[in-house]
Amino acid sequence: MPKPIHDRGLLRPVDVSRLQSVFDEVCSRRNIVPETEEAREVALTLLALYEGGMTDKAMLISALAFRRPEQNSA
């Protein structure tokens, strides 16, 4: 019998909902427009933290609140 989709390392609806909520909150706090490269970096970092085991919403928001993208010096 095949494994359920969430047992194969894919996100469940509850996971997606939590991640969306965190993403929206972080973008709002940092004044990030969701369709930008900076928002993409937030999303990738968020996914990495979540997949690494950090699933608490408050902890995710806190971790992302302090992370800033590297500034290009030119």
N, C-alpha and C. Protein backbone atom coordinates (compact mmCIF):
# COMPACT_ATOMS: atom_id res chain seq x y z
N MET A 1 0.84 -1.18 0.00
CA MET A 1 0.00 0.00 0.00
C MET A 1 0.89 1.25 0.00
N PRO A 2 0.61 2.24 -0.88
CA PRO A 2 1.44 3.45 -0.95
C PRO A 2 1.32 4.27 0.33
N LYS A 3 2.41 4.97 0.64
CA LYS A 3 2.41 5.85 1.81
C LYS A 3 1.57 7.08 1.52
N PRO A 4 0.91 7.61 2.58
CA PRO A 4 0.21 8.89 2.40
C PRO A 4 1.21 9.96 1.97
N ILE A 5 0.73 10.96 1.29
CA ILE A 5 1.61 11.99 0.73
C ILE A 5 2.45 12.68 1.81
N HIS A 6 1.89 12.92 3.01
CA HIS A 6 2.65 13.61 4.05
C HIS A 6 3.73 12.71 4.66
N ASP A 7 3.63 11.40 4.47
CA ASP A 7 4.67 10.50 4.95
C ASP A 7 5.84 10.40 3.98
N ARG A 8 5.71 11.02 2.83
CA ARG A 8 6.78 11.01 1.83
C ARG A 8 7.56 12.31 1.83
N GLY A 9 7.46 13.08 2.91
CA GLY A 9 8.23 14.31 3.01
C GLY A 9 7.57 15.53 2.40
N LEU A 10 6.33 15.39 1.99
CA LEU A 10 5.63 16.53 1.42
C LEU A 10 4.81 17.22 2.50
N LEU A 11 4.47 18.45 2.26
CA LEU A 11 3.75 19.25 3.25
C LEU A 11 2.26 18.92 3.25
N ARG A 12 1.70 18.88 4.44
CA ARG A 12 0.26 18.69 4.61
C ARG A 12 -0.41 20.06 4.57
N PRO A 13 -1.71 20.10 4.37
CA PRO A 13 -2.41 21.39 4.34
C PRO A 13 -2.16 22.22 5.61
N VAL A 14 -2.11 21.59 6.76
CA VAL A 14 -1.85 22.32 8.00
C VAL A 14 -0.46 22.95 7.99
N ASP A 15 0.50 22.25 7.38
CA ASP A 15 1.86 22.79 7.27
C ASP A 15 1.88 24.01 6.35
N VAL A 16 1.22 23.87 5.21
CA VAL A 16 1.16 24.97 4.24
C VAL A 16 0.49 26.19 4.87
N SER A 17 -0.57 25.96 5.60
CA SER A 17 -1.28 27.06 6.26
C SER A 17 -0.39 27.76 7.28
N ARG A 18 0.35 26.98 8.08
CA ARG A 18 1.25 27.56 9.07
C ARG A 18 2.36 28.35 8.39
N LEU A 19 2.94 27.78 7.35
CA LEU A 19 4.02 28.46 6.64
C LEU A 19 3.53 29.75 5.98
N GLN A 20 2.34 29.72 5.40
CA GLN A 20 1.78 30.92 4.78
C GLN A 20 1.56 32.01 5.82
N SER A 21 1.07 31.61 6.96
CA SER A 21 0.82 32.57 8.05
C SER A 21 2.12 33.22 8.51
N VAL A 22 3.15 32.42 8.68
CA VAL A 22 4.46 32.95 9.09
C VAL A 22 5.02 33.86 8.01
N PHE A 23 4.96 33.43 6.76
CA PHE A 23 5.46 34.22 5.64
C PHE A 23 4.76 35.58 5.59
N ASP A 24 3.44 35.56 5.70
CA ASP A 24 2.68 36.82 5.66
C ASP A 24 3.06 37.74 6.81
N GLU A 25 3.21 37.18 8.00
CA GLU A 25 3.57 37.97 9.18
C GLU A 25 4.96 38.59 9.03
N VAL A 26 5.92 37.78 8.58
CA VAL A 26 7.29 38.28 8.42
C VAL A 26 7.35 39.36 7.34
N CYS A 27 6.69 39.13 6.23
CA CYS A 27 6.68 40.14 5.16
C CYS A 27 6.04 41.43 5.64
N SER A 28 4.97 41.32 6.39
CA SER A 28 4.31 42.51 6.92
C SER A 28 5.22 43.27 7.89
N ARG A 29 5.84 42.56 8.81
CA ARG A 29 6.73 43.21 9.79
C ARG A 29 7.94 43.86 9.15
N ARG A 30 8.44 43.25 8.09
CA ARG A 30 9.66 43.77 7.45
C ARG A 30 9.36 44.61 6.22
N ASN A 31 8.08 44.90 5.97
CA ASN A 31 7.66 45.69 4.81
C ASN A 31 8.21 45.12 3.50
N ILE A 32 8.04 43.82 3.34
CA ILE A 32 8.50 43.13 2.14
C ILE A 32 7.29 42.87 1.25
N VAL A 33 7.41 43.24 -0.02
CA VAL A 33 6.36 42.95 -1.00
C VAL A 33 6.49 41.47 -1.36
N PRO A 34 5.39 40.71 -1.26
CA PRO A 34 5.47 39.26 -1.46
C PRO A 34 6.04 38.77 -2.79
N GLU A 35 5.93 39.52 -3.84
CA GLU A 35 6.40 39.04 -5.15
C GLU A 35 7.80 39.54 -5.50
N THR A 36 8.67 39.68 -4.50
CA THR A 36 10.01 40.19 -4.74
C THR A 36 11.07 39.13 -4.43
N GLU A 37 12.29 39.42 -4.81
CA GLU A 37 13.40 38.51 -4.52
C GLU A 37 13.61 38.38 -3.02
N GLU A 38 13.44 39.47 -2.29
CA GLU A 38 13.60 39.41 -0.83
C GLU A 38 12.55 38.47 -0.21
N ALA A 39 11.33 38.51 -0.72
CA ALA A 39 10.28 37.61 -0.23
C ALA A 39 10.61 36.17 -0.58
N ARG A 40 11.19 35.96 -1.73
CA ARG A 40 11.60 34.60 -2.13
C ARG A 40 12.64 34.07 -1.16
N GLU A 41 13.57 34.90 -0.75
CA GLU A 41 14.60 34.49 0.22
C GLU A 41 13.97 34.17 1.57
N VAL A 42 12.99 34.95 1.97
CA VAL A 42 12.27 34.66 3.22
C VAL A 42 11.60 33.29 3.11
N ALA A 43 10.93 33.04 2.00
CA ALA A 43 10.23 31.77 1.81
C ALA A 43 11.20 30.59 1.82
N LEU A 44 12.32 30.72 1.14
CA LEU A 44 13.30 29.63 1.12
C LEU A 44 13.89 29.37 2.50
N THR A 45 14.18 30.42 3.22
CA THR A 45 14.70 30.28 4.58
C THR A 45 13.65 29.64 5.48
N LEU A 46 12.42 30.08 5.34
CA LEU A 46 11.32 29.53 6.13
C LEU A 46 11.18 28.03 5.89
N LEU A 47 11.21 27.62 4.63
CA LEU A 47 11.11 26.20 4.32
C LEU A 47 12.28 25.41 4.90
N ALA A 48 13.47 25.96 4.81
CA ALA A 48 14.65 25.28 5.35
C ALA A 48 14.52 25.10 6.86
N LEU A 49 14.09 26.15 7.55
CA LEU A 49 13.91 26.05 9.01
C LEU A 49 12.85 25.01 9.36
N TYR A 50 11.76 25.02 8.62
CA TYR A 50 10.66 24.11 8.87
C TYR A 50 11.08 22.67 8.63
N GLU A 51 11.75 22.44 7.52
CA GLU A 51 12.22 21.10 7.20
C GLU A 51 13.29 20.63 8.17
N GLY A 52 13.98 21.59 8.80
CA GLY A 52 15.00 21.27 9.79
C GLY A 52 14.40 20.96 11.16
N GLY A 53 13.10 21.10 11.29
CA GLY A 53 12.44 20.74 12.53
C GLY A 53 11.87 21.89 13.33
N MET A 54 12.10 23.12 12.92
CA MET A 54 11.52 24.26 13.63
C MET A 54 10.10 24.47 13.10
N THR A 55 9.12 24.05 13.88
CA THR A 55 7.74 24.12 13.42
C THR A 55 6.87 25.07 14.23
N ASP A 56 7.38 25.59 15.33
CA ASP A 56 6.61 26.51 16.15
C ASP A 56 6.52 27.87 15.46
N LYS A 57 5.30 28.37 15.30
CA LYS A 57 5.07 29.61 14.58
C LYS A 57 5.84 30.78 15.17
N ALA A 58 5.78 30.94 16.48
CA ALA A 58 6.47 32.06 17.13
C ALA A 58 7.98 31.97 16.94
N MET A 59 8.52 30.77 17.02
CA MET A 59 9.96 30.59 16.84
C MET A 59 10.38 30.91 15.40
N LEU A 60 9.56 30.49 14.45
CA LEU A 60 9.86 30.77 13.04
C LEU A 60 9.85 32.28 12.78
N ILE A 61 8.83 32.95 13.30
CA ILE A 61 8.74 34.40 13.12
C ILE A 61 9.95 35.08 13.75
N SER A 62 10.29 34.65 14.94
CA SER A 62 11.44 35.22 15.64
C SER A 62 12.74 34.99 14.85
N ALA A 63 12.93 33.79 14.37
CA ALA A 63 14.15 33.46 13.62
C ALA A 63 14.25 34.30 12.34
N LEU A 64 13.14 34.51 11.68
CA LEU A 64 13.15 35.27 10.43
C LEU A 64 13.17 36.78 10.65
N ALA A 65 12.78 37.22 11.81
CA ALA A 65 12.74 38.65 12.10
C ALA A 65 14.14 39.25 12.11
N PHE A 66 15.12 38.44 12.47
CA PHE A 66 16.49 38.94 12.59
C PHE A 66 17.33 38.69 11.36
N ARG A 67 16.86 37.84 10.47
CA ARG A 67 17.65 37.50 9.28
C ARG A 67 17.41 38.54 8.21
N ARG A 68 18.47 39.13 7.76
CA ARG A 68 18.42 40.12 6.68
C ARG A 68 19.24 39.60 5.51
N PRO A 69 18.76 39.83 4.29
CA PRO A 69 19.57 39.41 3.14
C PRO A 69 20.88 40.18 3.10
N GLU A 70 21.91 39.54 2.56
CA GLU A 70 23.21 40.20 2.45
C GLU A 70 23.10 41.37 1.48
N GLN A 71 23.70 42.46 1.84
CA GLN A 71 23.69 43.63 0.98
C GLN A 71 24.82 43.53 -0.02
N ASN A 72 24.53 43.83 -1.26
CA ASN A 72 25.58 43.86 -2.29
C ASN A 72 26.33 45.17 -2.16
N SER A 73 27.64 45.08 -2.06
CA SER A 73 28.43 46.31 -1.99
C SER A 73 28.98 46.65 -3.36
N ALA A 74 28.48 47.74 -3.91
CA ALA A 74 28.95 48.16 -5.23
C ALA A 74 28.91 49.65 -5.34
